[in-house]
Amino acid sequence: MKPREPPPPLRGPPPPQGEEIRSRLRTHILLPLWGKGTPKGWREGRHLANDTRGVAAVEFALIVPLLLALYFGVVEVTQAAMTEQRAAHTASAIADLVAQDSSITSAQVTDIFSVGATLMYPYPTASLKMRVSSLSADANDNVTVAWSQGSGMTARTKGSAVTVPTKVISAGGSAIMGESQYTYTSVFGQIMPRPVVFNEVYYLQPRVSTTVPCADC
């Protein structure tokens, strides 16, 4: 009796390999899901990444703080510079008004201080201080105070020595010294958070006489 032959091997397609499995997975499972169900958000996310609407608004929001800081800084510095100019003009004006007289009284000097305060408009004058003094130089160019009166500032002592720039007063001559002090406080306080003090000094020669005496100053 002959031995029975083994059955022939089953024939069919070879089992799928790794790359083919991944290809079938994308084709039959992942791609159909991308168009429906939860993974739809993935496709919308890709569209959102390419969406440029609102970019200008975001950029504007980023630069607004810088623009505001620049604006307030320009305003503060400009206001400070204008205030300093007013303080300087005040010192020059009070000295010039005294220098135009051949003699003056304490009451007239007080009126001149009122004019100086008016020149600071529209800035507040609460922190404004003024002083006007008559200086004289002897033959050796030693400069001393002949008389002095202040508004918010202490008057200089008569006979006290004063240091002045070179050639302001010639030997035996005299000059009127106008001084102003103003404390500027910024409205915003961003760039200049602390008060700034401006000190201005002007020297003028008497106009109609060699000296301007003040008997009651």
C-alpha atoms as a PDB file:
ATOM      1  CA  MET A   1       0.000   0.000   0.000  1.00  0.00           C
ATOM      2  CA  LYS A   2       1.517   3.295  -1.145  1.00  0.00           C
ATOM      3  CA  PRO A   3       1.878   6.107   1.388  1.00  0.00           C
ATOM      4  CA  ARG A   4      -0.540   8.999   0.902  1.00  0.00           C
ATOM      5  CA  GLU A   5       1.101  12.085  -0.581  1.00  0.00           C
ATOM      6  CA  PRO A   6       0.829  15.370   1.443  1.00  0.00           C
ATOM      7  CA  PRO A   7      -1.696  17.873   0.135  1.00  0.00           C
ATOM      8  CA  PRO A   8      -0.296  20.622  -2.044  1.00  0.00           C
ATOM      9  CA  PRO A   9       0.407  23.939  -0.192  1.00  0.00           C
ATOM     10  CA  LEU A  10      -2.270  26.566  -0.300  1.00  0.00           C
ATOM     11  CA  ARG A  11      -1.494  29.280  -2.767  1.00  0.00           C
ATOM     12  CA  GLY A  12      -2.452  32.933  -2.344  1.00  0.00           C
ATOM     13  CA  PRO A  13      -0.975  36.429  -2.107  1.00  0.00           C
ATOM     14  CA  PRO A  14       2.004  36.774   0.183  1.00  0.00           C
ATOM     15  CA  PRO A  15       1.335  38.395   3.573  1.00  0.00           C
ATOM     16  CA  PRO A  16       1.619  42.185   3.527  1.00  0.00           C
ATOM     17  CA  GLN A  17       4.915  43.697   4.593  1.00  0.00           C
ATOM     18  CA  GLY A  18       5.528  46.796   6.742  1.00  0.00           C
ATOM     19  CA  GLU A  19       5.347  49.512   4.082  1.00  0.00           C
ATOM     20  CA  GLU A  20       2.288  47.947   2.520  1.00  0.00           C
ATOM     21  CA  ILE A  21       0.588  47.803   5.902  1.00  0.00           C
ATOM     22  CA  ARG A  22       1.207  51.496   6.470  1.00  0.00           C
ATOM     23  CA  SER A  23      -0.079  52.308   2.982  1.00  0.00           C
ATOM     24  CA  ARG A  24      -3.277  50.373   3.543  1.00  0.00           C
ATOM     25  CA  LEU A  25      -3.710  52.023   6.929  1.00  0.00           C
ATOM     26  CA  ARG A  26      -3.546  55.506   5.385  1.00  0.00           C
ATOM     27  CA  THR A  27      -5.782  54.546   2.451  1.00  0.00           C
ATOM     28  CA  HIS A  28      -8.533  52.621   4.204  1.00  0.00           C
ATOM     29  CA  ILE A  29      -8.590  54.072   7.727  1.00  0.00           C
ATOM     30  CA  LEU A  30      -6.888  57.452   8.180  1.00  0.00           C
ATOM     31  CA  LEU A  31      -7.912  59.209   4.975  1.00  0.00           C
ATOM     32  CA  PRO A  32     -11.628  58.408   5.369  1.00  0.00           C
ATOM     33  CA  LEU A  33     -11.504  59.681   8.958  1.00  0.00           C
ATOM     34  CA  TRP A  34      -9.958  63.043   8.054  1.00  0.00           C
ATOM     35  CA  GLY A  35     -13.173  64.090   6.370  1.00  0.00           C
ATOM     36  CA  LYS A  36     -15.534  63.208   9.215  1.00  0.00           C
ATOM     37  CA  GLY A  37     -15.727  62.872  12.971  1.00  0.00           C
ATOM     38  CA  THR A  38     -13.278  64.353  15.484  1.00  0.00           C
ATOM     39  CA  PRO A  39     -10.199  64.393  13.187  1.00  0.00           C
ATOM     40  CA  LYS A  40     -11.969  67.032  11.149  1.00  0.00           C
ATOM     41  CA  GLY A  41     -10.472  69.539  13.588  1.00  0.00           C
ATOM     42  CA  TRP A  42      -7.043  68.547  12.335  1.00  0.00           C
ATOM     43  CA  ARG A  43      -7.931  69.739   8.854  1.00  0.00           C
ATOM     44  CA  GLU A  44      -9.439  72.941  10.259  1.00  0.00           C
ATOM     45  CA  GLY A  45      -6.281  73.480  12.301  1.00  0.00           C
ATOM     46  CA  ARG A  46      -4.228  73.357   9.131  1.00  0.00           C
ATOM     47  CA  HIS A  47      -6.475  75.967   7.557  1.00  0.00           C
ATOM     48  CA  LEU A  48      -6.213  78.122  10.702  1.00  0.00           C
ATOM     49  CA  ALA A  49      -2.430  78.003  10.551  1.00  0.00           C
ATOM     50  CA  ASN A  50      -2.574  79.480   7.059  1.00  0.00           C
ATOM     51  CA  ASP A  51      -5.226  82.074   7.989  1.00  0.00           C
ATOM     52  CA  THR A  52      -3.648  85.577   8.175  1.00  0.00           C
ATOM     53  CA  ARG A  53      -6.803  87.443   9.174  1.00  0.00           C
ATOM     54  CA  GLY A  54      -6.262  89.513  12.353  1.00  0.00           C
ATOM     55  CA  VAL A  55      -2.479  89.696  11.980  1.00  0.00           C
ATOM     56  CA  ALA A  56      -2.597  93.494  11.770  1.00  0.00           C
ATOM     57  CA  ALA A  57      -4.622  93.673  14.993  1.00  0.00           C
ATOM     58  CA  VAL A  58      -2.126  91.480  16.822  1.00  0.00           C
ATOM     59  CA  GLU A  59       0.823  93.530  15.560  1.00  0.00           C
ATOM     60  CA  PHE A  60      -0.933  96.742  16.598  1.00  0.00           C
ATOM     61  CA  ALA A  61      -1.553  95.363  20.091  1.00  0.00           C
ATOM     62  CA  LEU A  62       2.148  94.555  20.390  1.00  0.00           C
ATOM     63  CA  ILE A  63       3.396  98.024  19.412  1.00  0.00           C
ATOM     64  CA  VAL A  64       0.744 100.084  21.237  1.00  0.00           C
ATOM     65  CA  PRO A  65       2.687 100.121  24.559  1.00  0.00           C
ATOM     66  CA  LEU A  66       5.800 101.346  22.763  1.00  0.00           C
ATOM     67  CA  LEU A  67       3.855 104.041  20.919  1.00  0.00           C
ATOM     68  CA  LEU A  68       2.211 105.226  24.134  1.00  0.00           C
ATOM     69  CA  ALA A  69       5.544 105.383  25.959  1.00  0.00           C
ATOM     70  CA  LEU A  70       7.019 107.366  23.064  1.00  0.00           C
ATOM     71  CA  TYR A  71       4.054 109.750  22.996  1.00  0.00           C
ATOM     72  CA  PHE A  72       4.056 110.445  26.728  1.00  0.00           C
ATOM     73  CA  GLY A  73       7.850 110.809  26.684  1.00  0.00           C
ATOM     74  CA  VAL A  74       7.713 113.445  23.944  1.00  0.00           C
ATOM     75  CA  VAL A  75       4.945 115.316  25.767  1.00  0.00           C
ATOM     76  CA  GLU A  76       6.805 115.296  29.088  1.00  0.00           C
ATOM     77  CA  VAL A  77      10.145 116.406  27.649  1.00  0.00           C
ATOM     78  CA  THR A  78       8.500 119.115  25.555  1.00  0.00           C
ATOM     79  CA  GLN A  79       6.552 120.474  28.516  1.00  0.00           C
ATOM     80  CA  ALA A  80       9.707 120.483  30.654  1.00  0.00           C
ATOM     81  CA  ALA A  81      11.666 122.377  27.984  1.00  0.00           C
ATOM     82  CA  MET A  82       8.900 124.972  27.601  1.00  0.00           C
ATOM     83  CA  THR A  83       8.694 125.409  31.368  1.00  0.00           C
ATOM     84  CA  GLU A  84      12.439 125.993  31.594  1.00  0.00           C
ATOM     85  CA  GLN A  85      12.193 128.630  28.868  1.00  0.00           C
ATOM     86  CA  ARG A  86       9.458 130.426  30.818  1.00  0.00           C
ATOM     87  CA  ALA A  87      11.550 130.325  34.001  1.00  0.00           C
ATOM     88  CA  ALA A  88      14.555 131.727  32.122  1.00  0.00           C
ATOM     89  CA  HIS A  89      12.414 134.468  30.582  1.00  0.00           C
ATOM     90  CA  THR A  90      11.100 135.360  34.042  1.00  0.00           C
ATOM     91  CA  ALA A  91      14.621 135.801  35.455  1.00  0.00           C
ATOM     92  CA  SER A  92      15.610 137.935  32.477  1.00  0.00           C
ATOM     93  CA  ALA A  93      12.447 140.065  32.635  1.00  0.00           C
ATOM     94  CA  ILE A  94      12.630 140.979  36.334  1.00  0.00           C
ATOM     95  CA  ALA A  95      16.285 141.976  35.969  1.00  0.00           C
ATOM     96  CA  ASP A  96      15.524 144.005  32.843  1.00  0.00           C
ATOM     97  CA  LEU A  97      12.629 145.867  34.469  1.00  0.00           C
ATOM     98  CA  VAL A  98      14.829 146.888  37.398  1.00  0.00           C
ATOM     99  CA  ALA A  99      17.686 147.875  35.094  1.00  0.00           C
ATOM    100  CA  GLN A 100      15.417 150.329  33.267  1.00  0.00           C
ATOM    101  CA  ASP A 101      14.973 152.519  36.383  1.00  0.00           C
ATOM    102  CA  SER A 102      17.391 155.073  37.788  1.00  0.00           C
ATOM    103  CA  SER A 103      16.173 154.154  41.290  1.00  0.00           C
ATOM    104  CA  ILE A 104      13.576 151.803  42.677  1.00  0.00           C
ATOM    105  CA  THR A 105      11.581 151.024  45.829  1.00  0.00           C
ATOM    106  CA  SER A 106      10.714 147.782  47.564  1.00  0.00           C
ATOM    107  CA  ALA A 107       7.056 148.115  46.526  1.00  0.00           C
ATOM    108  CA  GLN A 108       8.060 148.501  42.893  1.00  0.00           C
ATOM    109  CA  VAL A 109      10.205 145.384  43.108  1.00  0.00           C
ATOM    110  CA  THR A 110       7.193 143.527  44.508  1.00  0.00           C
ATOM    111  CA  ASP A 111       5.152 144.658  41.490  1.00  0.00           C
ATOM    112  CA  ILE A 112       7.921 143.396  39.213  1.00  0.00           C
ATOM    113  CA  PHE A 113       7.691 140.001  40.882  1.00  0.00           C
ATOM    114  CA  SER A 114       3.978 139.965  40.020  1.00  0.00           C
ATOM    115  CA  VAL A 115       4.891 140.564  36.391  1.00  0.00           C
ATOM    116  CA  GLY A 116       7.373 137.676  36.568  1.00  0.00           C
ATOM    117  CA  ALA A 117       4.674 135.349  37.885  1.00  0.00           C
ATOM    118  CA  THR A 118       2.404 136.383  35.007  1.00  0.00           C
ATOM    119  CA  LEU A 119       5.094 135.420  32.517  1.00  0.00           C
ATOM    120  CA  MET A 120       4.900 131.790  33.716  1.00  0.00           C
ATOM    121  CA  TYR A 121       1.306 131.445  32.434  1.00  0.00           C
ATOM    122  CA  PRO A 122      -0.196 128.894  31.749  1.00  0.00           C
ATOM    123  CA  TYR A 123       2.051 126.946  34.109  1.00  0.00           C
ATOM    124  CA  PRO A 124       1.264 127.013  37.848  1.00  0.00           C
ATOM    125  CA  THR A 125       3.308 129.491  39.888  1.00  0.00           C
ATOM    126  CA  ALA A 126       3.107 127.816  43.300  1.00  0.00           C
ATOM    127  CA  SER A 127       6.693 126.567  42.973  1.00  0.00           C
ATOM    128  CA  LEU A 128       8.064 129.738  41.361  1.00  0.00           C
ATOM    129  CA  LYS A 129      10.708 131.626  43.340  1.00  0.00           C
ATOM    130  CA  MET A 130      12.372 134.880  42.285  1.00  0.00           C
ATOM    131  CA  ARG A 131      15.094 137.191  43.481  1.00  0.00           C
ATOM    132  CA  VAL A 132      16.624 140.384  42.141  1.00  0.00           C
ATOM    133  CA  SER A 133      19.852 141.924  43.425  1.00  0.00           C
ATOM    134  CA  SER A 134      22.037 144.895  42.636  1.00  0.00           C
ATOM    135  CA  LEU A 135      25.721 144.005  42.485  1.00  0.00           C
ATOM    136  CA  SER A 136      28.679 146.358  42.580  1.00  0.00           C
ATOM    137  CA  ALA A 137      32.381 145.788  41.930  1.00  0.00           C
ATOM    138  CA  ASP A 138      35.240 147.705  43.519  1.00  0.00           C
ATOM    139  CA  ALA A 139      38.538 148.670  41.884  1.00  0.00           C
ATOM    140  CA  ASN A 140      39.895 145.186  42.581  1.00  0.00           C
ATOM    141  CA  ASP A 141      36.941 143.463  40.896  1.00  0.00           C
ATOM    142  CA  ASN A 142      35.503 142.252  44.197  1.00  0.00           C
ATOM    143  CA  VAL A 143      31.753 141.892  43.627  1.00  0.00           C
ATOM    144  CA  THR A 144      29.359 142.441  46.550  1.00  0.00           C
ATOM    145  CA  VAL A 145      25.617 142.860  47.038  1.00  0.00           C
ATOM    146  CA  ALA A 146      24.355 146.472  47.201  1.00  0.00           C
ATOM    147  CA  TRP A 147      20.758 145.439  47.868  1.00  0.00           C
ATOM    148  CA  SER A 148      18.554 142.378  47.281  1.00  0.00           C
ATOM    149  CA  GLN A 149      14.904 141.375  47.490  1.00  0.00           C
ATOM    150  CA  GLY A 150      13.252 138.017  46.979  1.00  0.00           C
ATOM    151  CA  SER A 151       9.877 136.392  46.415  1.00  0.00           C
ATOM    152  CA  GLY A 152       9.934 132.880  47.795  1.00  0.00           C
ATOM    153  CA  MET A 153      13.737 133.127  47.944  1.00  0.00           C
ATOM    154  CA  THR A 154      15.753 134.651  50.768  1.00  0.00           C
ATOM    155  CA  ALA A 155      17.231 138.033  49.864  1.00  0.00           C
ATOM    156  CA  ARG A 156      21.010 138.129  49.670  1.00  0.00           C
ATOM    157  CA  THR A 157      22.796 139.808  52.541  1.00  0.00           C
ATOM    158  CA  LYS A 158      23.993 143.344  51.837  1.00  0.00           C
ATOM    159  CA  GLY A 159      27.735 143.476  51.470  1.00  0.00           C
ATOM    160  CA  SER A 160      28.087 139.720  50.944  1.00  0.00           C
ATOM    161  CA  ALA A 161      30.449 138.546  48.219  1.00  0.00           C
ATOM    162  CA  VAL A 162      29.044 137.107  45.010  1.00  0.00           C
ATOM    163  CA  THR A 163      30.823 135.049  42.385  1.00  0.00           C
ATOM    164  CA  VAL A 164      29.865 136.091  38.856  1.00  0.00           C
ATOM    165  CA  PRO A 165      31.122 135.049  35.418  1.00  0.00           C
ATOM    166  CA  THR A 166      34.151 136.837  34.020  1.00  0.00           C
ATOM    167  CA  LYS A 167      33.575 140.298  32.480  1.00  0.00           C
ATOM    168  CA  VAL A 168      29.989 140.537  33.721  1.00  0.00           C
ATOM    169  CA  ILE A 169      30.853 143.573  35.858  1.00  0.00           C
ATOM    170  CA  SER A 170      33.796 145.840  35.162  1.00  0.00           C
ATOM    171  CA  ALA A 171      35.856 147.344  38.000  1.00  0.00           C
ATOM    172  CA  GLY A 172      33.852 150.091  39.705  1.00  0.00           C
ATOM    173  CA  GLY A 173      30.672 149.123  37.835  1.00  0.00           C
ATOM    174  CA  SER A 174      27.392 147.485  38.793  1.00  0.00           C
ATOM    175  CA  ALA A 175      24.885 145.015  37.412  1.00  0.00           C
ATOM    176  CA  ILE A 176      21.383 143.771  38.149  1.00  0.00           C
ATOM    177  CA  MET A 177      21.131 140.039  38.772  1.00  0.00           C
ATOM    178  CA  GLY A 178      17.762 138.358  38.229  1.00  0.00           C
ATOM    179  CA  GLU A 179      17.206 134.829  39.506  1.00  0.00           C
ATOM    180  CA  SER A 180      14.352 132.381  39.203  1.00  0.00           C
ATOM    181  CA  GLN A 181      13.790 128.883  40.501  1.00  0.00           C
ATOM    182  CA  TYR A 182      10.978 126.658  39.327  1.00  0.00           C
ATOM    183  CA  THR A 183      10.108 123.085  40.293  1.00  0.00           C
ATOM    184  CA  TYR A 184       8.560 121.242  37.366  1.00  0.00           C
ATOM    185  CA  THR A 185       6.393 118.204  38.073  1.00  0.00           C
ATOM    186  CA  SER A 186       5.297 116.156  35.081  1.00  0.00           C
ATOM    187  CA  VAL A 187       1.599 115.529  34.638  1.00  0.00           C
ATOM    188  CA  PHE A 188       2.129 111.932  33.506  1.00  0.00           C
ATOM    189  CA  GLY A 189       5.263 111.056  35.488  1.00  0.00           C
ATOM    190  CA  GLN A 190       6.312 108.256  33.126  1.00  0.00           C
ATOM    191  CA  ILE A 191       9.602 109.462  31.672  1.00  0.00           C
ATOM    192  CA  MET A 192      10.210 112.085  34.389  1.00  0.00           C
ATOM    193  CA  PRO A 193       8.756 110.546  37.574  1.00  0.00           C
ATOM    194  CA  ARG A 194      10.530 113.006  39.904  1.00  0.00           C
ATOM    195  CA  PRO A 195      10.217 116.799  40.083  1.00  0.00           C
ATOM    196  CA  VAL A 196      12.908 118.740  38.199  1.00  0.00           C
ATOM    197  CA  VAL A 197      14.228 122.040  39.565  1.00  0.00           C
ATOM    198  CA  PHE A 198      15.212 124.755  37.072  1.00  0.00           C
ATOM    199  CA  ASN A 199      17.552 127.505  38.298  1.00  0.00           C
ATOM    200  CA  GLU A 200      18.035 130.486  35.981  1.00  0.00           C
ATOM    201  CA  VAL A 201      20.306 133.529  36.446  1.00  0.00           C
ATOM    202  CA  TYR A 202      20.617 136.637  34.247  1.00  0.00           C
ATOM    203  CA  TYR A 203      22.856 139.714  34.551  1.00  0.00           C
ATOM    204  CA  LEU A 204      21.953 143.082  33.006  1.00  0.00           C
ATOM    205  CA  GLN A 205      23.660 146.465  33.079  1.00  0.00           C
ATOM    206  CA  PRO A 206      21.689 149.499  34.334  1.00  0.00           C
ATOM    207  CA  ARG A 207      20.140 151.364  31.408  1.00  0.00           C
ATOM    208  CA  VAL A 208      19.819 155.005  32.513  1.00  0.00           C
ATOM    209  CA  SER A 209      22.368 155.286  35.331  1.00  0.00           C
ATOM    210  CA  THR A 210      25.526 153.592  36.590  1.00  0.00           C
ATOM    211  CA  THR A 211      23.620 152.033  39.513  1.00  0.00           C
ATOM    212  CA  VAL A 212      19.988 151.393  40.498  1.00  0.00           C
ATOM    213  CA  PRO A 213      19.707 152.179  44.227  1.00  0.00           C
ATOM    214  CA  CYS A 214      16.866 150.936  46.431  1.00  0.00           C
ATOM    215  CA  ALA A 215      16.629 152.789  49.714  1.00  0.00           C
ATOM    216  CA  ASP A 216      14.144 150.460  51.446  1.00  0.00           C
ATOM    217  CA  CYS A 217      15.123 147.091  49.987  1.00  0.00           C
END
